[in-house]
Amino acid sequence: MDARDVMTREPVTLGPGATLGEAATLMRQEDCGSIPIVEDGRLVGIVTDRDIVIRAVAAGKDPRSTPVSDVMSADPVCIEPGTSLDEAQELMAERQVRRLPVVEDGKLVGILVIGQVARREPDEEQTGETLKEISQPKSGRGSHARG
């Protein structure tokens, strides 16, 4: 089984000139935490709810006028449709991401979310390990860190 079998096809997207407010509204409507940023069919970045909060709101930027291109992660880690779920899960753990854009010939064709991998993965222990690795900040600092 590979990414093609479980990915969300034709995910909602925005262009780089869309505002952070538009991105946040779309995230609420779609009940998701990230939006791929696409220009001329090609993936140019991804913006997450965390990007909006940390890189914009906490930095004093106005979400109604700030374009997503100001805070998006450019050149996000991607996979191809034929990537195995094991490979995708390893990459999610390594890069500490819960979502992987699926790109074919430079064009966005889907998005793979950790929950989709978990539902298809017979090894619940491995999926739990991946989630644990994704959730632990590499810096050693997180919501429970003191000082």
C-alpha atoms as a PDB file:
ATOM      1  CA  MET A   1       0.000   0.000   0.000  1.00  0.00           C
ATOM      2  CA  ASP A   2       1.310   3.439  -0.853  1.00  0.00           C
ATOM      3  CA  ALA A   3       0.420   7.119  -0.480  1.00  0.00           C
ATOM      4  CA  ARG A   4      -1.770   7.028  -3.610  1.00  0.00           C
ATOM      5  CA  ASP A   5      -4.097   4.538  -1.894  1.00  0.00           C
ATOM      6  CA  VAL A   6      -4.941   6.672   1.142  1.00  0.00           C
ATOM      7  CA  MET A   7      -4.100  10.310   0.352  1.00  0.00           C
ATOM      8  CA  THR A   8      -6.723  13.010   0.133  1.00  0.00           C
ATOM      9  CA  ARG A   9      -7.019  13.847  -3.545  1.00  0.00           C
ATOM     10  CA  GLU A  10      -7.401  17.406  -4.740  1.00  0.00           C
ATOM     11  CA  PRO A  11      -6.943  19.068  -1.340  1.00  0.00           C
ATOM     12  CA  VAL A  12      -8.101  22.649  -0.925  1.00  0.00           C
ATOM     13  CA  THR A  13      -5.352  25.120  -1.773  1.00  0.00           C
ATOM     14  CA  LEU A  14      -4.653  28.828  -1.818  1.00  0.00           C
ATOM     15  CA  GLY A  15      -2.397  31.036  -3.901  1.00  0.00           C
ATOM     16  CA  PRO A  16       0.595  32.848  -2.363  1.00  0.00           C
ATOM     17  CA  GLY A  17      -1.264  36.176  -2.377  1.00  0.00           C
ATOM     18  CA  ALA A  18      -4.157  34.952  -0.208  1.00  0.00           C
ATOM     19  CA  THR A  19      -4.284  36.515   3.250  1.00  0.00           C
ATOM     20  CA  LEU A  20      -3.676  34.680   6.494  1.00  0.00           C
ATOM     21  CA  GLY A  21      -7.276  35.452   7.412  1.00  0.00           C
ATOM     22  CA  GLU A  22      -8.462  33.639   4.293  1.00  0.00           C
ATOM     23  CA  ALA A  23      -6.207  30.692   5.168  1.00  0.00           C
ATOM     24  CA  ALA A  24      -7.545  30.536   8.733  1.00  0.00           C
ATOM     25  CA  THR A  25     -11.143  30.688   7.506  1.00  0.00           C
ATOM     26  CA  LEU A  26     -10.499  27.889   5.014  1.00  0.00           C
ATOM     27  CA  MET A  27      -8.842  25.783   7.735  1.00  0.00           C
ATOM     28  CA  ARG A  28     -11.940  26.212   9.908  1.00  0.00           C
ATOM     29  CA  GLN A  29     -14.301  25.351   7.036  1.00  0.00           C
ATOM     30  CA  GLU A  30     -12.302  22.280   6.042  1.00  0.00           C
ATOM     31  CA  ASP A  31     -11.422  21.272   9.631  1.00  0.00           C
ATOM     32  CA  CYS A  32      -7.720  21.032   8.804  1.00  0.00           C
ATOM     33  CA  GLY A  33      -4.493  22.477  10.161  1.00  0.00           C
ATOM     34  CA  SER A  34      -2.647  23.271   6.959  1.00  0.00           C
ATOM     35  CA  ILE A  35      -3.236  24.544   3.465  1.00  0.00           C
ATOM     36  CA  PRO A  36      -0.931  23.839   0.515  1.00  0.00           C
ATOM     37  CA  ILE A  37       0.063  27.003  -1.339  1.00  0.00           C
ATOM     38  CA  VAL A  38      -0.058  26.492  -5.096  1.00  0.00           C
ATOM     39  CA  GLU A  39       0.900  28.729  -7.993  1.00  0.00           C
ATOM     40  CA  ASP A  40       0.130  27.637 -11.565  1.00  0.00           C
ATOM     41  CA  GLY A  41      -0.631  24.113 -10.284  1.00  0.00           C
ATOM     42  CA  ARG A  42       2.787  23.784  -8.627  1.00  0.00           C
ATOM     43  CA  LEU A  43       3.283  23.482  -4.889  1.00  0.00           C
ATOM     44  CA  VAL A  44       5.283  26.483  -3.660  1.00  0.00           C
ATOM     45  CA  GLY A  45       4.714  26.149   0.083  1.00  0.00           C
ATOM     46  CA  ILE A  46       2.453  25.151   2.909  1.00  0.00           C
ATOM     47  CA  VAL A  47       0.930  27.264   5.663  1.00  0.00           C
ATOM     48  CA  THR A  48      -0.134  25.777   8.972  1.00  0.00           C
ATOM     49  CA  ASP A  49      -2.270  27.028  11.817  1.00  0.00           C
ATOM     50  CA  ARG A  50       0.954  27.200  13.841  1.00  0.00           C
ATOM     51  CA  ASP A  51       2.615  29.385  11.176  1.00  0.00           C
ATOM     52  CA  ILE A  52      -0.288  31.815  11.427  1.00  0.00           C
ATOM     53  CA  VAL A  53      -0.117  31.997  15.219  1.00  0.00           C
ATOM     54  CA  ILE A  54       3.665  32.019  15.728  1.00  0.00           C
ATOM     55  CA  ARG A  55       4.982  33.791  12.622  1.00  0.00           C
ATOM     56  CA  ALA A  56       2.151  36.272  12.209  1.00  0.00           C
ATOM     57  CA  VAL A  57      -0.176  36.922  15.135  1.00  0.00           C
ATOM     58  CA  ALA A  58       2.540  36.660  17.817  1.00  0.00           C
ATOM     59  CA  ALA A  59       4.788  38.851  15.641  1.00  0.00           C
ATOM     60  CA  GLY A  60       2.100  41.543  15.406  1.00  0.00           C
ATOM     61  CA  LYS A  61       1.221  41.053  11.736  1.00  0.00           C
ATOM     62  CA  ASP A  62      -2.343  41.733  10.636  1.00  0.00           C
ATOM     63  CA  PRO A  63      -3.919  38.460   9.370  1.00  0.00           C
ATOM     64  CA  ARG A  64      -6.386  40.454   7.255  1.00  0.00           C
ATOM     65  CA  SER A  65      -3.640  41.950   5.095  1.00  0.00           C
ATOM     66  CA  THR A  66      -0.600  39.671   5.481  1.00  0.00           C
ATOM     67  CA  PRO A  67      -0.180  37.285   2.530  1.00  0.00           C
ATOM     68  CA  VAL A  68       0.409  33.609   3.262  1.00  0.00           C
ATOM     69  CA  SER A  69       3.679  33.867   1.328  1.00  0.00           C
ATOM     70  CA  ASP A  70       5.095  35.914   4.249  1.00  0.00           C
ATOM     71  CA  VAL A  71       4.776  33.052   6.742  1.00  0.00           C
ATOM     72  CA  MET A  72       4.447  29.838   4.737  1.00  0.00           C
ATOM     73  CA  SER A  73       7.111  27.165   4.727  1.00  0.00           C
ATOM     74  CA  ALA A  74       8.533  27.298   1.208  1.00  0.00           C
ATOM     75  CA  ASP A  75       9.659  24.074  -0.454  1.00  0.00           C
ATOM     76  CA  PRO A  76       7.984  21.749   2.071  1.00  0.00           C
ATOM     77  CA  VAL A  77       9.045  18.122   2.288  1.00  0.00           C
ATOM     78  CA  CYS A  78       6.917  16.172  -0.201  1.00  0.00           C
ATOM     79  CA  ILE A  79       6.393  12.618  -1.340  1.00  0.00           C
ATOM     80  CA  GLU A  80       5.366  11.013  -4.609  1.00  0.00           C
ATOM     81  CA  PRO A  81       2.160   8.981  -4.985  1.00  0.00           C
ATOM     82  CA  GLY A  82       4.121   5.711  -5.077  1.00  0.00           C
ATOM     83  CA  THR A  83       5.845   6.328  -1.733  1.00  0.00           C
ATOM     84  CA  SER A  84       5.132   3.449   0.650  1.00  0.00           C
ATOM     85  CA  LEU A  85       3.221   4.206   3.835  1.00  0.00           C
ATOM     86  CA  ASP A  86       6.229   2.953   5.829  1.00  0.00           C
ATOM     87  CA  GLU A  87       8.493   5.473   4.075  1.00  0.00           C
ATOM     88  CA  ALA A  88       5.950   8.244   4.575  1.00  0.00           C
ATOM     89  CA  GLN A  89       5.625   7.408   8.267  1.00  0.00           C
ATOM     90  CA  GLU A  90       9.416   7.437   8.706  1.00  0.00           C
ATOM     91  CA  LEU A  91       9.642  10.802   6.949  1.00  0.00           C
ATOM     92  CA  MET A  92       6.873  12.242   9.143  1.00  0.00           C
ATOM     93  CA  ALA A  93       8.740  11.144  12.263  1.00  0.00           C
ATOM     94  CA  GLU A  94      12.105  12.368  10.993  1.00  0.00           C
ATOM     95  CA  ARG A  95      10.811  15.792   9.914  1.00  0.00           C
ATOM     96  CA  GLN A  96       8.260  16.070  12.744  1.00  0.00           C
ATOM     97  CA  VAL A  97       5.331  16.762  10.414  1.00  0.00           C
ATOM     98  CA  ARG A  98       1.801  15.377  10.436  1.00  0.00           C
ATOM     99  CA  ARG A  99       1.033  16.147   6.792  1.00  0.00           C
ATOM    100  CA  LEU A 100       2.919  15.467   3.569  1.00  0.00           C
ATOM    101  CA  PRO A 101       1.971  17.034   0.243  1.00  0.00           C
ATOM    102  CA  VAL A 102       1.905  14.432  -2.538  1.00  0.00           C
ATOM    103  CA  VAL A 103       3.459  15.753  -5.735  1.00  0.00           C
ATOM    104  CA  GLU A 104       3.714  14.191  -9.179  1.00  0.00           C
ATOM    105  CA  ASP A 105       5.696  15.886 -11.955  1.00  0.00           C
ATOM    106  CA  GLY A 106       5.857  19.042  -9.828  1.00  0.00           C
ATOM    107  CA  LYS A 107       2.087  19.242  -9.442  1.00  0.00           C
ATOM    108  CA  LEU A 108       0.181  18.796  -6.193  1.00  0.00           C
ATOM    109  CA  VAL A 109      -2.049  15.713  -6.506  1.00  0.00           C
ATOM    110  CA  GLY A 110      -2.931  15.070  -2.861  1.00  0.00           C
ATOM    111  CA  ILE A 111      -1.995  15.326   0.779  1.00  0.00           C
ATOM    112  CA  LEU A 112      -1.224  12.521   3.208  1.00  0.00           C
ATOM    113  CA  VAL A 113      -2.115  13.036   6.862  1.00  0.00           C
ATOM    114  CA  ILE A 114      -0.781  10.950   9.761  1.00  0.00           C
ATOM    115  CA  GLY A 115      -4.335   9.850  10.621  1.00  0.00           C
ATOM    116  CA  GLN A 116      -4.709   8.280   7.169  1.00  0.00           C
ATOM    117  CA  VAL A 117      -1.511   6.305   7.700  1.00  0.00           C
ATOM    118  CA  ALA A 118      -2.614   5.264  11.192  1.00  0.00           C
ATOM    119  CA  ARG A 119      -5.972   3.909   9.987  1.00  0.00           C
ATOM    120  CA  ARG A 120      -4.267   1.744   7.366  1.00  0.00           C
ATOM    121  CA  GLU A 121      -1.229   0.706   9.402  1.00  0.00           C
ATOM    122  CA  PRO A 122      -1.631  -2.710  11.070  1.00  0.00           C
ATOM    123  CA  ASP A 123       1.269  -1.943  13.435  1.00  0.00           C
ATOM    124  CA  GLU A 124      -0.403   0.299  16.017  1.00  0.00           C
ATOM    125  CA  GLU A 125       2.773   0.377  18.104  1.00  0.00           C
ATOM    126  CA  GLN A 126       4.756   1.804  15.150  1.00  0.00           C
ATOM    127  CA  THR A 127       2.092   4.442  14.500  1.00  0.00           C
ATOM    128  CA  GLY A 128       2.170   5.406  18.178  1.00  0.00           C
ATOM    129  CA  GLU A 129       5.951   5.746  18.020  1.00  0.00           C
ATOM    130  CA  THR A 130       5.674   7.980  14.955  1.00  0.00           C
ATOM    131  CA  LEU A 131       3.157  10.244  16.689  1.00  0.00           C
ATOM    132  CA  LYS A 132       5.408  10.403  19.748  1.00  0.00           C
ATOM    133  CA  GLU A 133       8.417  11.370  17.606  1.00  0.00           C
ATOM    134  CA  ILE A 134       6.414  13.998  15.731  1.00  0.00           C
ATOM    135  CA  SER A 135       5.141  15.516  18.963  1.00  0.00           C
ATOM    136  CA  GLN A 136       8.494  15.828  20.727  1.00  0.00           C
ATOM    137  CA  PRO A 137      10.231  19.079  19.895  1.00  0.00           C
ATOM    138  CA  LYS A 138      13.788  18.562  18.664  1.00  0.00           C
ATOM    139  CA  SER A 139      14.943  21.502  20.767  1.00  0.00           C
ATOM    140  CA  GLY A 140      13.921  19.741  23.973  1.00  0.00           C
ATOM    141  CA  ARG A 141      11.663  22.693  24.686  1.00  0.00           C
ATOM    142  CA  GLY A 142       7.956  22.334  24.439  1.00  0.00           C
ATOM    143  CA  SER A 143       4.769  23.111  26.243  1.00  0.00           C
ATOM    144  CA  HIS A 144       6.031  21.316  29.330  1.00  0.00           C
ATOM    145  CA  ALA A 145       9.530  22.865  29.381  1.00  0.00           C
ATOM    146  CA  ARG A 146      10.289  25.222  32.214  1.00  0.00           C
ATOM    147  CA  GLY A 147      12.788  28.052  32.281  1.00  0.00           C
END
